[in-house]
Amino acid sequence: MVYNLLMQTRDEVADNIGAIQQNIADIQQNNAVIQQNNAVMQQNIADIQQNNAVMQQNFATINAEMQQNFAAINAALQQLLGNHN
């Protein structure tokens, strides 16, 4: 009876060791996926930062062009009004 319990315990320990090894393999795989996702996210962040820089430049360009356009419109209106203001 003791022998049977020992053999059953040995089998259960072996099963648990197998399950733990599988869990370790799963964790390692998950870590690899997480690392890949982190790399993709870092690239995405870099792309977003680059896009933000481009948009800021675009807005600065648009702002400058609008100011020039409004200055030209204002000058034309002043000329049409004969600078009576």
PDB file of N, CA and C in Angstrom:
ATOM      1  N   MET A   1       0.826  -1.194   0.000  1.00  0.00           N
ATOM      2  CA  MET A   1       0.000   0.000   0.000  1.00  0.00           C
ATOM      3  C   MET A   1       0.869   1.257   0.000  1.00  0.00           C
ATOM      4  N   VAL A   2       1.885   1.287   0.858  1.00  0.00           N
ATOM      5  CA  VAL A   2       2.787   2.422   0.889  1.00  0.00           C
ATOM      6  C   VAL A   2       3.492   2.543  -0.458  1.00  0.00           C
ATOM      7  N   TYR A   3       3.880   1.409  -1.021  1.00  0.00           N
ATOM      8  CA  TYR A   3       4.550   1.415  -2.311  1.00  0.00           C
ATOM      9  C   TYR A   3       3.645   2.029  -3.376  1.00  0.00           C
ATOM     10  N   ASN A   4       2.363   1.636  -3.352  1.00  0.00           N
ATOM     11  CA  ASN A   4       1.417   2.175  -4.333  1.00  0.00           C
ATOM     12  C   ASN A   4       1.258   3.684  -4.171  1.00  0.00           C
ATOM     13  N   LEU A   5       1.218   4.154  -2.931  1.00  0.00           N
ATOM     14  CA  LEU A   5       1.106   5.592  -2.693  1.00  0.00           C
ATOM     15  C   LEU A   5       2.360   6.316  -3.178  1.00  0.00           C
ATOM     16  N   LEU A   6       3.501   5.699  -2.951  1.00  0.00           N
ATOM     17  CA  LEU A   6       4.751   6.302  -3.412  1.00  0.00           C
ATOM     18  C   LEU A   6       4.778   6.378  -4.938  1.00  0.00           C
ATOM     19  N   MET A   7       4.347   5.327  -5.582  1.00  0.00           N
ATOM     20  CA  MET A   7       4.324   5.309  -7.043  1.00  0.00           C
ATOM     21  C   MET A   7       3.319   6.330  -7.574  1.00  0.00           C
ATOM     22  N   GLN A   8       2.179   6.436  -6.918  1.00  0.00           N
ATOM     23  CA  GLN A   8       1.180   7.425  -7.339  1.00  0.00           C
ATOM     24  C   GLN A   8       1.736   8.838  -7.149  1.00  0.00           C
ATOM     25  N   THR A   9       2.389   9.060  -6.016  1.00  0.00           N
ATOM     26  CA  THR A   9       2.992  10.377  -5.754  1.00  0.00           C
ATOM     27  C   THR A   9       4.061  10.686  -6.788  1.00  0.00           C
ATOM     28  N   ARG A  10       4.882   9.672  -7.110  1.00  0.00           N
ATOM     29  CA  ARG A  10       5.921   9.868  -8.115  1.00  0.00           C
ATOM     30  C   ARG A  10       5.307  10.256  -9.457  1.00  0.00           C
ATOM     31  N   ASP A  11       4.230   9.576  -9.832  1.00  0.00           N
ATOM     32  CA  ASP A  11       3.566   9.886 -11.101  1.00  0.00           C
ATOM     33  C   ASP A  11       2.971  11.295 -11.088  1.00  0.00           C
ATOM     34  N   GLU A  12       2.384  11.667  -9.946  1.00  0.00           N
ATOM     35  CA  GLU A  12       1.802  13.005  -9.841  1.00  0.00           C
ATOM     36  C   GLU A  12       2.892  14.075  -9.898  1.00  0.00           C
ATOM     37  N   VAL A  13       4.008  13.817  -9.246  1.00  0.00           N
ATOM     38  CA  VAL A  13       5.127  14.765  -9.294  1.00  0.00           C
ATOM     39  C   VAL A  13       5.630  14.885 -10.729  1.00  0.00           C
ATOM     40  N   ALA A  14       5.745  13.753 -11.414  1.00  0.00           N
ATOM     41  CA  ALA A  14       6.195  13.781 -12.803  1.00  0.00           C
ATOM     42  C   ALA A  14       5.212  14.571 -13.668  1.00  0.00           C
ATOM     43  N   ASP A  15       3.918  14.364 -13.434  1.00  0.00           N
ATOM     44  CA  ASP A  15       2.902  15.125 -14.173  1.00  0.00           C
ATOM     45  C   ASP A  15       3.027  16.615 -13.885  1.00  0.00           C
ATOM     46  N   ASN A  16       3.234  16.949 -12.604  1.00  0.00           N
ATOM     47  CA  ASN A  16       3.361  18.358 -12.223  1.00  0.00           C
ATOM     48  C   ASN A  16       4.603  18.977 -12.848  1.00  0.00           C
ATOM     49  N   ILE A  17       5.694  18.230 -12.877  1.00  0.00           N
ATOM     50  CA  ILE A  17       6.914  18.729 -13.505  1.00  0.00           C
ATOM     51  C   ILE A  17       6.669  18.985 -14.995  1.00  0.00           C
ATOM     52  N   GLY A  18       5.966  18.069 -15.633  1.00  0.00           N
ATOM     53  CA  GLY A  18       5.630  18.253 -17.047  1.00  0.00           C
ATOM     54  C   GLY A  18       4.764  19.484 -17.263  1.00  0.00           C
ATOM     55  N   ALA A  19       3.796  19.673 -16.364  1.00  0.00           N
ATOM     56  CA  ALA A  19       2.917  20.836 -16.486  1.00  0.00           C
ATOM     57  C   ALA A  19       3.702  22.128 -16.267  1.00  0.00           C
ATOM     58  N   ILE A  20       4.598  22.115 -15.288  1.00  0.00           N
ATOM     59  CA  ILE A  20       5.420  23.297 -15.019  1.00  0.00           C
ATOM     60  C   ILE A  20       6.318  23.602 -16.212  1.00  0.00           C
ATOM     61  N   GLN A  21       6.907  22.572 -16.793  1.00  0.00           N
ATOM     62  CA  GLN A  21       7.758  22.790 -17.969  1.00  0.00           C
ATOM     63  C   GLN A  21       6.952  23.371 -19.126  1.00  0.00           C
ATOM     64  N   GLN A  22       5.736  22.902 -19.287  1.00  0.00           N
ATOM     65  CA  GLN A  22       4.873  23.448 -20.341  1.00  0.00           C
ATOM     66  C   GLN A  22       4.531  24.902 -20.044  1.00  0.00           C
ATOM     67  N   ASN A  23       4.262  25.196 -18.764  1.00  0.00           N
ATOM     68  CA  ASN A  23       3.961  26.577 -18.381  1.00  0.00           C
ATOM     69  C   ASN A  23       5.158  27.490 -18.651  1.00  0.00           C
ATOM     70  N   ILE A  24       6.343  27.000 -18.357  1.00  0.00           N
ATOM     71  CA  ILE A  24       7.559  27.781 -18.621  1.00  0.00           C
ATOM     72  C   ILE A  24       7.692  28.037 -20.124  1.00  0.00           C
ATOM     73  N   ALA A  25       7.454  27.011 -20.928  1.00  0.00           N
ATOM     74  CA  ALA A  25       7.522  27.175 -22.383  1.00  0.00           C
ATOM     75  C   ALA A  25       6.483  28.185 -22.859  1.00  0.00           C
ATOM     76  N   ASP A  26       5.280  28.111 -22.297  1.00  0.00           N
ATOM     77  CA  ASP A  26       4.224  29.059 -22.668  1.00  0.00           C
ATOM     78  C   ASP A  26       4.609  30.487 -22.285  1.00  0.00           C
ATOM     79  N   ILE A  27       5.169  30.636 -21.081  1.00  0.00           N
ATOM     80  CA  ILE A  27       5.588  31.959 -20.613  1.00  0.00           C
ATOM     81  C   ILE A  27       6.679  32.520 -21.518  1.00  0.00           C
ATOM     82  N   GLN A  28       7.631  31.675 -21.880  1.00  0.00           N
ATOM     83  CA  GLN A  28       8.702  32.129 -22.769  1.00  0.00           C
ATOM     84  C   GLN A  28       8.148  32.561 -24.120  1.00  0.00           C
ATOM     85  N   GLN A  29       7.194  31.817 -24.630  1.00  0.00           N
ATOM     86  CA  GLN A  29       6.559  32.187 -25.898  1.00  0.00           C
ATOM     87  C   GLN A  29       5.811  33.504 -25.747  1.00  0.00           C
ATOM     88  N   ASN A  30       5.082  33.648 -24.642  1.00  0.00           N
ATOM     89  CA  ASN A  30       4.359  34.899 -24.399  1.00  0.00           C
ATOM     90  C   ASN A  30       5.322  36.071 -24.285  1.00  0.00           C
ATOM     91  N   ASN A  31       6.446  35.853 -23.625  1.00  0.00           N
ATOM     92  CA  ASN A  31       7.440  36.915 -23.501  1.00  0.00           C
ATOM     93  C   ASN A  31       7.977  37.322 -24.871  1.00  0.00           C
ATOM     94  N   ALA A  32       8.194  36.338 -25.731  1.00  0.00           N
ATOM     95  CA  ALA A  32       8.672  36.642 -27.082  1.00  0.00           C
ATOM     96  C   ALA A  32       7.640  37.478 -27.836  1.00  0.00           C
ATOM     97  N   VAL A  33       6.377  37.126 -27.693  1.00  0.00           N
ATOM     98  CA  VAL A  33       5.307  37.888 -28.356  1.00  0.00           C
ATOM     99  C   VAL A  33       5.245  39.307 -27.787  1.00  0.00           C
ATOM    100  N   ILE A  34       5.356  39.418 -26.468  1.00  0.00           N
ATOM    101  CA  ILE A  34       5.328  40.737 -25.823  1.00  0.00           C
ATOM    102  C   ILE A  34       6.491  41.586 -26.312  1.00  0.00           C
ATOM    103  N   GLN A  35       7.671  41.002 -26.400  1.00  0.00           N
ATOM    104  CA  GLN A  35       8.828  41.751 -26.881  1.00  0.00           C
ATOM    105  C   GLN A  35       8.622  42.218 -28.319  1.00  0.00           C
ATOM    106  N   GLN A  36       8.050  41.362 -29.143  1.00  0.00           N
ATOM    107  CA  GLN A  36       7.757  41.750 -30.529  1.00  0.00           C
ATOM    108  C   GLN A  36       6.737  42.878 -30.559  1.00  0.00           C
ATOM    109  N   ASN A  37       5.701  42.760 -29.727  1.00  0.00           N
ATOM    110  CA  ASN A  37       4.687  43.821 -29.667  1.00  0.00           C
ATOM    111  C   ASN A  37       5.299  45.126 -29.183  1.00  0.00           C
ATOM    112  N   ASN A  38       6.198  45.040 -28.218  1.00  0.00           N
ATOM    113  CA  ASN A  38       6.867  46.245 -27.726  1.00  0.00           C
ATOM    114  C   ASN A  38       7.674  46.905 -28.835  1.00  0.00           C
ATOM    115  N   ALA A  39       8.355  46.089 -29.625  1.00  0.00           N
ATOM    116  CA  ALA A  39       9.144  46.640 -30.740  1.00  0.00           C
ATOM    117  C   ALA A  39       8.227  47.333 -31.743  1.00  0.00           C
ATOM    118  N   VAL A  40       7.092  46.717 -32.037  1.00  0.00           N
ATOM    119  CA  VAL A  40       6.134  47.322 -32.974  1.00  0.00           C
ATOM    120  C   VAL A  40       5.590  48.629 -32.395  1.00  0.00           C
ATOM    121  N   MET A  41       5.255  48.606 -31.091  1.00  0.00           N
ATOM    122  CA  MET A  41       4.726  49.821 -30.473  1.00  0.00           C
ATOM    123  C   MET A  41       5.767  50.935 -30.461  1.00  0.00           C
ATOM    124  N   GLN A  42       7.018  50.592 -30.199  1.00  0.00           N
ATOM    125  CA  GLN A  42       8.071  51.604 -30.221  1.00  0.00           C
ATOM    126  C   GLN A  42       8.207  52.210 -31.617  1.00  0.00           C
ATOM    127  N   GLN A  43       8.107  51.369 -32.632  1.00  0.00           N
ATOM    128  CA  GLN A  43       8.150  51.871 -34.004  1.00  0.00           C
ATOM    129  C   GLN A  43       6.947  52.761 -34.278  1.00  0.00           C
ATOM    130  N   ASN A  44       5.781  52.349 -33.790  1.00  0.00           N
ATOM    131  CA  ASN A  44       4.577  53.156 -33.972  1.00  0.00           C
ATOM    132  C   ASN A  44       4.725  54.515 -33.291  1.00  0.00           C
ATOM    133  N   ILE A  45       5.308  54.515 -32.094  1.00  0.00           N
ATOM    134  CA  ILE A  45       5.516  55.773 -31.375  1.00  0.00           C
ATOM    135  C   ILE A  45       6.462  56.665 -32.171  1.00  0.00           C
ATOM    136  N   ALA A  46       7.528  56.072 -32.696  1.00  0.00           N
ATOM    137  CA  ALA A  46       8.473  56.852 -33.507  1.00  0.00           C
ATOM    138  C   ALA A  46       7.774  57.420 -34.742  1.00  0.00           C
ATOM    139  N   ASP A  47       6.921  56.612 -35.371  1.00  0.00           N
ATOM    140  CA  ASP A  47       6.181  57.080 -36.553  1.00  0.00           C
ATOM    141  C   ASP A  47       5.239  58.229 -36.177  1.00  0.00           C
ATOM    142  N   ILE A  48       4.566  58.092 -35.037  1.00  0.00           N
ATOM    143  CA  ILE A  48       3.639  59.135 -34.583  1.00  0.00           C
ATOM    144  C   ILE A  48       4.405  60.425 -34.301  1.00  0.00           C
ATOM    145  N   GLN A  49       5.550  60.297 -33.640  1.00  0.00           N
ATOM    146  CA  GLN A  49       6.352  61.487 -33.359  1.00  0.00           C
ATOM    147  C   GLN A  49       6.800  62.156 -34.648  1.00  0.00           C
ATOM    148  N   GLN A  50       7.181  61.354 -35.620  1.00  0.00           N
ATOM    149  CA  GLN A  50       7.575  61.910 -36.922  1.00  0.00           C
ATOM    150  C   GLN A  50       6.392  62.597 -37.588  1.00  0.00           C
ATOM    151  N   ASN A  51       5.232  61.948 -37.532  1.00  0.00           N
ATOM    152  CA  ASN A  51       4.030  62.550 -38.115  1.00  0.00           C
ATOM    153  C   ASN A  51       3.674  63.855 -37.407  1.00  0.00           C
ATOM    154  N   ASN A  52       3.837  63.879 -36.083  1.00  0.00           N
ATOM    155  CA  ASN A  52       3.554  65.110 -35.337  1.00  0.00           C
ATOM    156  C   ASN A  52       4.476  66.233 -35.783  1.00  0.00           C
ATOM    157  N   ALA A  53       5.749  65.894 -35.982  1.00  0.00           N
ATOM    158  CA  ALA A  53       6.702  66.916 -36.438  1.00  0.00           C
ATOM    159  C   ALA A  53       6.313  67.439 -37.818  1.00  0.00           C
ATOM    160  N   VAL A  54       5.911  66.540 -38.702  1.00  0.00           N
ATOM    161  CA  VAL A  54       5.488  66.952 -40.047  1.00  0.00           C
ATOM    162  C   VAL A  54       4.237  67.819 -39.959  1.00  0.00           C
ATOM    163  N   MET A  55       3.279  67.410 -39.124  1.00  0.00           N
ATOM    164  CA  MET A  55       2.049  68.201 -38.995  1.00  0.00           C
ATOM    165  C   MET A  55       2.342  69.577 -38.417  1.00  0.00           C
ATOM    166  N   GLN A  56       3.228  69.650 -37.433  1.00  0.00           N
ATOM    167  CA  GLN A  56       3.583  70.958 -36.871  1.00  0.00           C
ATOM    168  C   GLN A  56       4.202  71.847 -37.943  1.00  0.00           C
ATOM    169  N   GLN A  57       5.061  71.260 -38.751  1.00  0.00           N
ATOM    170  CA  GLN A  57       5.669  72.022 -39.851  1.00  0.00           C
ATOM    171  C   GLN A  57       4.606  72.458 -40.853  1.00  0.00           C
ATOM    172  N   ASN A  58       3.687  71.546 -41.154  1.00  0.00           N
ATOM    173  CA  ASN A  58       2.608  71.883 -42.088  1.00  0.00           C
ATOM    174  C   ASN A  58       1.746  73.017 -41.543  1.00  0.00           C
ATOM    175  N   PHE A  59       1.415  72.943 -40.242  1.00  0.00           N
ATOM    176  CA  PHE A  59       0.601  74.007 -39.649  1.00  0.00           C
ATOM    177  C   PHE A  59       1.355  75.331 -39.649  1.00  0.00           C
ATOM    178  N   ALA A  60       2.651  75.276 -39.391  1.00  0.00           N
ATOM    179  CA  ALA A  60       3.446  76.505 -39.421  1.00  0.00           C
ATOM    180  C   ALA A  60       3.456  77.100 -40.827  1.00  0.00           C
ATOM    181  N   THR A  61       3.586  76.239 -41.823  1.00  0.00           N
ATOM    182  CA  THR A  61       3.569  76.701 -43.212  1.00  0.00           C
ATOM    183  C   THR A  61       2.211  77.294 -43.569  1.00  0.00           C
ATOM    184  N   ILE A  62       1.147  76.585 -43.198  1.00  0.00           N
ATOM    185  CA  ILE A  62      -0.214  77.071 -43.477  1.00  0.00           C
ATOM    186  C   ILE A  62      -0.438  78.414 -42.783  1.00  0.00           C
ATOM    187  N   ASN A  63       0.002  78.501 -41.519  1.00  0.00           N
ATOM    188  CA  ASN A  63      -0.180  79.747 -40.766  1.00  0.00           C
ATOM    189  C   ASN A  63       0.542  80.902 -41.456  1.00  0.00           C
ATOM    190  N   ALA A  64       1.774  80.663 -41.876  1.00  0.00           N
ATOM    191  CA  ALA A  64       2.547  81.716 -42.549  1.00  0.00           C
ATOM    192  C   ALA A  64       1.883  82.117 -43.858  1.00  0.00           C
ATOM    193  N   GLU A  65       1.413  81.132 -44.610  1.00  0.00           N
ATOM    194  CA  GLU A  65       0.760  81.434 -45.886  1.00  0.00           C
ATOM    195  C   GLU A  65      -0.539  82.203 -45.670  1.00  0.00           C
ATOM    196  N   MET A  66      -1.285  81.812 -44.643  1.00  0.00           N
ATOM    197  CA  MET A  66      -2.535  82.518 -44.354  1.00  0.00           C
ATOM    198  C   MET A  66      -2.250  83.958 -43.946  1.00  0.00           C
ATOM    199  N   GLN A  67      -1.222  84.150 -43.137  1.00  0.00           N
ATOM    200  CA  GLN A  67      -0.878  85.519 -42.729  1.00  0.00           C
ATOM    201  C   GLN A  67      -0.498  86.360 -43.948  1.00  0.00           C
ATOM    202  N   GLN A  68       0.270  85.769 -44.865  1.00  0.00           N
ATOM    203  CA  GLN A  68       0.640  86.478 -46.094  1.00  0.00           C
ATOM    204  C   GLN A  68      -0.603  86.788 -46.926  1.00  0.00           C
ATOM    205  N   ASN A  69      -1.489  85.793 -47.027  1.00  0.00           N
ATOM    206  CA  ASN A  69      -2.710  85.999 -47.815  1.00  0.00           C
ATOM    207  C   ASN A  69      -3.579  87.090 -47.207  1.00  0.00           C
ATOM    208  N   PHE A  70      -3.723  87.071 -45.883  1.00  0.00           N
ATOM    209  CA  PHE A  70      -4.538  88.100 -45.242  1.00  0.00           C
ATOM    210  C   PHE A  70      -3.887  89.470 -45.376  1.00  0.00           C
ATOM    211  N   ALA A  71      -2.560  89.516 -45.311  1.00  0.00           N
ATOM    212  CA  ALA A  71      -1.864  90.785 -45.497  1.00  0.00           C
ATOM    213  C   ALA A  71      -2.088  91.296 -46.919  1.00  0.00           C
ATOM    214  N   ALA A  72      -2.038  90.391 -47.895  1.00  0.00           N
ATOM    215  CA  ALA A  72      -2.262  90.787 -49.290  1.00  0.00           C
ATOM    216  C   ALA A  72      -3.700  91.251 -49.485  1.00  0.00           C
ATOM    217  N   ILE A  73      -4.652  90.528 -48.891  1.00  0.00           N
ATOM    218  CA  ILE A  73      -6.069  90.924 -48.997  1.00  0.00           C
ATOM    219  C   ILE A  73      -6.269  92.283 -48.335  1.00  0.00           C
ATOM    220  N   ASN A  74      -5.667  92.450 -47.166  1.00  0.00           N
ATOM    221  CA  ASN A  74      -5.797  93.722 -46.458  1.00  0.00           C
ATOM    222  C   ASN A  74      -5.220  94.870 -47.279  1.00  0.00           C
ATOM    223  N   ALA A  75      -4.041  94.625 -47.879  1.00  0.00           N
ATOM    224  CA  ALA A  75      -3.416  95.662 -48.709  1.00  0.00           C
ATOM    225  C   ALA A  75      -4.292  95.993 -49.913  1.00  0.00           C
ATOM    226  N   ALA A  76      -4.876  94.967 -50.525  1.00  0.00           N
ATOM    227  CA  ALA A  76      -5.742  95.194 -51.683  1.00  0.00           C
ATOM    228  C   ALA A  76      -6.991  95.972 -51.271  1.00  0.00           C
ATOM    229  N   LEU A  77      -7.555  95.628 -50.134  1.00  0.00           N
ATOM    230  CA  LEU A  77      -8.740  96.341 -49.656  1.00  0.00           C
ATOM    231  C   LEU A  77      -8.387  97.789 -49.328  1.00  0.00           C
ATOM    232  N   GLN A  78      -7.255  97.991 -48.722  1.00  0.00           N
ATOM    233  CA  GLN A  78      -6.813  99.354 -48.407  1.00  0.00           C
ATOM    234  C   GLN A  78      -6.660 100.174 -49.690  1.00  0.00           C
ATOM    235  N   GLN A  79      -6.104  99.523 -50.709  1.00  0.00           N
ATOM    236  CA  GLN A  79      -5.914 100.224 -51.983  1.00  0.00           C
ATOM    237  C   GLN A  79      -7.261 100.549 -52.616  1.00  0.00           C
ATOM    238  N   LEU A  80      -8.201  99.578 -52.549  1.00  0.00           N
ATOM    239  CA  LEU A  80      -9.525  99.810 -53.119  1.00  0.00           C
ATOM    240  C   LEU A  80     -10.248 100.928 -52.371  1.00  0.00           C
ATOM    241  N   LEU A  81     -10.034 100.988 -51.087  1.00  0.00           N
ATOM    242  CA  LEU A  81     -10.704 102.023 -50.290  1.00  0.00           C
ATOM    243  C   LEU A  81      -9.969 103.352 -50.365  1.00  0.00           C
ATOM    244  N   GLY A  82      -8.826 103.342 -51.032  1.00  0.00           N
ATOM    245  CA  GLY A  82      -8.065 104.568 -51.166  1.00  0.00           C
ATOM    246  C   GLY A  82      -7.404 104.984 -49.870  1.00  0.00           C
ATOM    247  N   ASN A  83      -7.184 104.015 -48.993  1.00  0.00           N
ATOM    248  CA  ASN A  83      -6.529 104.289 -47.719  1.00  0.00           C
ATOM    249  C   ASN A  83      -7.226 105.410 -46.953  1.00  0.00           C
ATOM    250  N   HIS A  84      -8.562 105.402 -46.965  1.00  0.00           N
ATOM    251  CA  HIS A  84      -9.316 106.424 -46.232  1.00  0.00           C
ATOM    252  C   HIS A  84      -9.375 106.142 -44.744  1.00  0.00           C
ATOM    253  N   ASN A  85      -8.981 104.952 -44.345  1.00  0.00           N
ATOM    254  CA  ASN A  85      -9.058 104.598 -42.917  1.00  0.00           C
ATOM    255  C   ASN A  85      -7.904 105.204 -42.155  1.00  0.00           C
TER     256      ASN A  85
END
